Amino acid sequence: MLGASGVAAYQHVILPAALPSFVAGLKQGWAFAWRSLMAGELLNVVSGASIGVRLQFARELSDAPALLAMMLMILLIGIVVDAVFFGGVERSIRQRWGLVEASA
């Protein structure tokens, strides 16, 4: 604010204010895309050794341990991407603008 106009207003005011919401939208978009990818692999089984194909085969063969293992693999990939990638981005945004709480 403080007299910023034009490109400076976007660079120093609008973009930093919108960045947390933008990252939250990316996070939601990734979660939806990940679920859609898994559903697509279950509906259209292609040759290969993907997670969805292995999940479908375990389901068709009533292989409960393999089914559970694939479901846990899907969960772990989702958690790792969420924690590592998006957690790092969110952490850097908070540190850059001084939003990190003081540790005890």
C-alpha atoms as a PDB file:
ATOM      1  CA  MET A   1       0.000   0.000   0.000  1.00  0.00           C
ATOM      2  CA  LEU A   2       1.844   3.167   1.083  1.00  0.00           C
ATOM      3  CA  GLY A   3       1.628   4.689  -2.391  1.00  0.00           C
ATOM      4  CA  ALA A   4       2.346   1.583  -4.465  1.00  0.00           C
ATOM      5  CA  SER A   5       0.671   1.659  -7.838  1.00  0.00           C
ATOM      6  CA  GLY A   6       0.807  -0.235 -11.097  1.00  0.00           C
ATOM      7  CA  VAL A   7       3.342  -3.058 -11.242  1.00  0.00           C
ATOM      8  CA  ALA A   8       4.723  -2.255  -7.776  1.00  0.00           C
ATOM      9  CA  ALA A   9       1.262  -2.711  -6.236  1.00  0.00           C
ATOM     10  CA  TYR A  10       0.938  -6.145  -7.810  1.00  0.00           C
ATOM     11  CA  GLN A  11       4.489  -7.161  -6.943  1.00  0.00           C
ATOM     12  CA  HIS A  12       4.537  -6.006  -3.323  1.00  0.00           C
ATOM     13  CA  VAL A  13       0.882  -6.063  -2.244  1.00  0.00           C
ATOM     14  CA  ILE A  14      -1.488  -8.148  -4.331  1.00  0.00           C
ATOM     15  CA  LEU A  15       0.690 -11.183  -5.180  1.00  0.00           C
ATOM     16  CA  PRO A  16       2.035 -11.694  -1.634  1.00  0.00           C
ATOM     17  CA  ALA A  17      -1.514 -11.420  -0.270  1.00  0.00           C
ATOM     18  CA  ALA A  18      -2.859 -13.924  -2.811  1.00  0.00           C
ATOM     19  CA  LEU A  19      -0.008 -16.441  -2.569  1.00  0.00           C
ATOM     20  CA  PRO A  20      -1.320 -18.456   0.435  1.00  0.00           C
ATOM     21  CA  SER A  21      -4.712 -18.892  -1.242  1.00  0.00           C
ATOM     22  CA  PHE A  22      -3.012 -19.811  -4.504  1.00  0.00           C
ATOM     23  CA  VAL A  23      -0.957 -22.526  -2.767  1.00  0.00           C
ATOM     24  CA  ALA A  24      -4.096 -23.826  -1.011  1.00  0.00           C
ATOM     25  CA  GLY A  25      -5.794 -24.063  -4.413  1.00  0.00           C
ATOM     26  CA  LEU A  26      -2.815 -25.937  -5.841  1.00  0.00           C
ATOM     27  CA  LYS A  27      -2.979 -28.323  -2.894  1.00  0.00           C
ATOM     28  CA  GLN A  28      -6.675 -29.020  -3.487  1.00  0.00           C
ATOM     29  CA  GLY A  29      -6.097 -29.391  -7.218  1.00  0.00           C
ATOM     30  CA  TRP A  30      -3.316 -31.901  -6.645  1.00  0.00           C
ATOM     31  CA  ALA A  31      -5.478 -33.938  -4.259  1.00  0.00           C
ATOM     32  CA  PHE A  32      -8.311 -34.035  -6.806  1.00  0.00           C
ATOM     33  CA  ALA A  33      -5.918 -34.964  -9.629  1.00  0.00           C
ATOM     34  CA  TRP A  34      -4.368 -37.759  -7.536  1.00  0.00           C
ATOM     35  CA  ARG A  35      -7.785 -39.241  -6.755  1.00  0.00           C
ATOM     36  CA  SER A  36      -8.804 -38.929 -10.399  1.00  0.00           C
ATOM     37  CA  LEU A  37      -5.628 -40.644 -11.548  1.00  0.00           C
ATOM     38  CA  MET A  38      -6.244 -43.580  -9.239  1.00  0.00           C
ATOM     39  CA  ALA A  39      -9.901 -43.821 -10.327  1.00  0.00           C
ATOM     40  CA  GLY A  40      -8.887 -43.638 -13.983  1.00  0.00           C
ATOM     41  CA  GLU A  41      -6.395 -46.441 -13.551  1.00  0.00           C
ATOM     42  CA  LEU A  42      -9.047 -48.584 -11.897  1.00  0.00           C
ATOM     43  CA  LEU A  43     -11.561 -47.958 -14.693  1.00  0.00           C
ATOM     44  CA  ASN A  44      -9.151 -48.385 -17.591  1.00  0.00           C
ATOM     45  CA  VAL A  45      -6.629 -51.094 -16.792  1.00  0.00           C
ATOM     46  CA  VAL A  46      -3.658 -50.756 -19.113  1.00  0.00           C
ATOM     47  CA  SER A  47      -0.676 -53.029 -19.366  1.00  0.00           C
ATOM     48  CA  GLY A  48       1.992 -52.015 -16.940  1.00  0.00           C
ATOM     49  CA  ALA A  49       2.880 -52.152 -13.305  1.00  0.00           C
ATOM     50  CA  SER A  50       1.193 -49.005 -12.028  1.00  0.00           C
ATOM     51  CA  ILE A  51      -0.353 -48.697  -8.585  1.00  0.00           C
ATOM     52  CA  GLY A  52      -3.893 -48.643  -9.954  1.00  0.00           C
ATOM     53  CA  VAL A  53      -3.335 -51.763 -12.050  1.00  0.00           C
ATOM     54  CA  ARG A  54      -1.880 -53.626  -9.091  1.00  0.00           C
ATOM     55  CA  LEU A  55      -4.790 -52.460  -6.933  1.00  0.00           C
ATOM     56  CA  GLN A  56      -7.301 -53.699  -9.508  1.00  0.00           C
ATOM     57  CA  PHE A  57      -5.581 -57.076  -9.859  1.00  0.00           C
ATOM     58  CA  ALA A  58      -5.460 -57.516  -6.080  1.00  0.00           C
ATOM     59  CA  ARG A  59      -9.165 -56.726  -5.930  1.00  0.00           C
ATOM     60  CA  GLU A  60     -10.032 -59.154  -8.725  1.00  0.00           C
ATOM     61  CA  LEU A  61      -7.946 -61.941  -7.174  1.00  0.00           C
ATOM     62  CA  SER A  62      -9.258 -61.268  -3.631  1.00  0.00           C
ATOM     63  CA  ASP A  63      -5.697 -60.744  -2.410  1.00  0.00           C
ATOM     64  CA  ALA A  64      -6.406 -58.797   0.781  1.00  0.00           C
ATOM     65  CA  PRO A  65      -2.766 -58.219   1.829  1.00  0.00           C
ATOM     66  CA  ALA A  66      -1.829 -56.857  -1.619  1.00  0.00           C
ATOM     67  CA  LEU A  67      -4.993 -54.740  -1.685  1.00  0.00           C
ATOM     68  CA  LEU A  68      -4.169 -53.247   1.696  1.00  0.00           C
ATOM     69  CA  ALA A  69      -0.544 -52.708   0.674  1.00  0.00           C
ATOM     70  CA  MET A  70      -1.580 -50.797  -2.473  1.00  0.00           C
ATOM     71  CA  MET A  71      -4.073 -48.702  -0.522  1.00  0.00           C
ATOM     72  CA  LEU A  72      -1.349 -47.848   2.005  1.00  0.00           C
ATOM     73  CA  MET A  73       1.018 -47.001  -0.866  1.00  0.00           C
ATOM     74  CA  ILE A  74      -1.548 -44.571  -2.306  1.00  0.00           C
ATOM     75  CA  LEU A  75      -2.005 -43.027   1.145  1.00  0.00           C
ATOM     76  CA  LEU A  76       1.745 -42.707   1.756  1.00  0.00           C
ATOM     77  CA  ILE A  77       2.385 -41.074  -1.632  1.00  0.00           C
ATOM     78  CA  GLY A  78      -0.383 -38.578  -0.916  1.00  0.00           C
ATOM     79  CA  ILE A  79       0.949 -37.798   2.555  1.00  0.00           C
ATOM     80  CA  VAL A  80       4.554 -37.462   1.367  1.00  0.00           C
ATOM     81  CA  VAL A  81       3.667 -35.083  -1.467  1.00  0.00           C
ATOM     82  CA  ASP A  82       1.460 -33.081   0.872  1.00  0.00           C
ATOM     83  CA  ALA A  83       4.043 -32.893   3.648  1.00  0.00           C
ATOM     84  CA  VAL A  84       7.229 -32.531   1.618  1.00  0.00           C
ATOM     85  CA  PHE A  85       6.220 -30.386  -1.328  1.00  0.00           C
ATOM     86  CA  PHE A  86       3.256 -28.373  -0.101  1.00  0.00           C
ATOM     87  CA  GLY A  87       4.499 -28.283   3.495  1.00  0.00           C
ATOM     88  CA  GLY A  88       7.800 -26.842   2.309  1.00  0.00           C
ATOM     89  CA  VAL A  89       6.086 -24.241   0.153  1.00  0.00           C
ATOM     90  CA  GLU A  90       3.727 -23.208   2.949  1.00  0.00           C
ATOM     91  CA  ARG A  91       6.607 -23.091   5.445  1.00  0.00           C
ATOM     92  CA  SER A  92       8.681 -20.864   3.172  1.00  0.00           C
ATOM     93  CA  ILE A  93       5.723 -18.501   2.679  1.00  0.00           C
ATOM     94  CA  ARG A  94       5.216 -18.219   6.443  1.00  0.00           C
ATOM     95  CA  GLN A  95       8.937 -17.634   7.053  1.00  0.00           C
ATOM     96  CA  ARG A  96       9.228 -15.064   4.285  1.00  0.00           C
ATOM     97  CA  TRP A  97       6.441 -12.918   5.702  1.00  0.00           C
ATOM     98  CA  GLY A  98       7.251 -13.522   9.353  1.00  0.00           C
ATOM     99  CA  LEU A  99       4.189 -15.611  10.126  1.00  0.00           C
ATOM    100  CA  VAL A 100       6.079 -18.353  11.974  1.00  0.00           C
ATOM    101  CA  GLU A 101       5.126 -18.714  15.611  1.00  0.00           C
ATOM    102  CA  ALA A 102       7.911 -18.475  18.139  1.00  0.00           C
ATOM    103  CA  SER A 103       8.921 -21.905  19.439  1.00  0.00           C
ATOM    104  CA  ALA A 104       8.831 -22.487  23.183  1.00  0.00           C
END
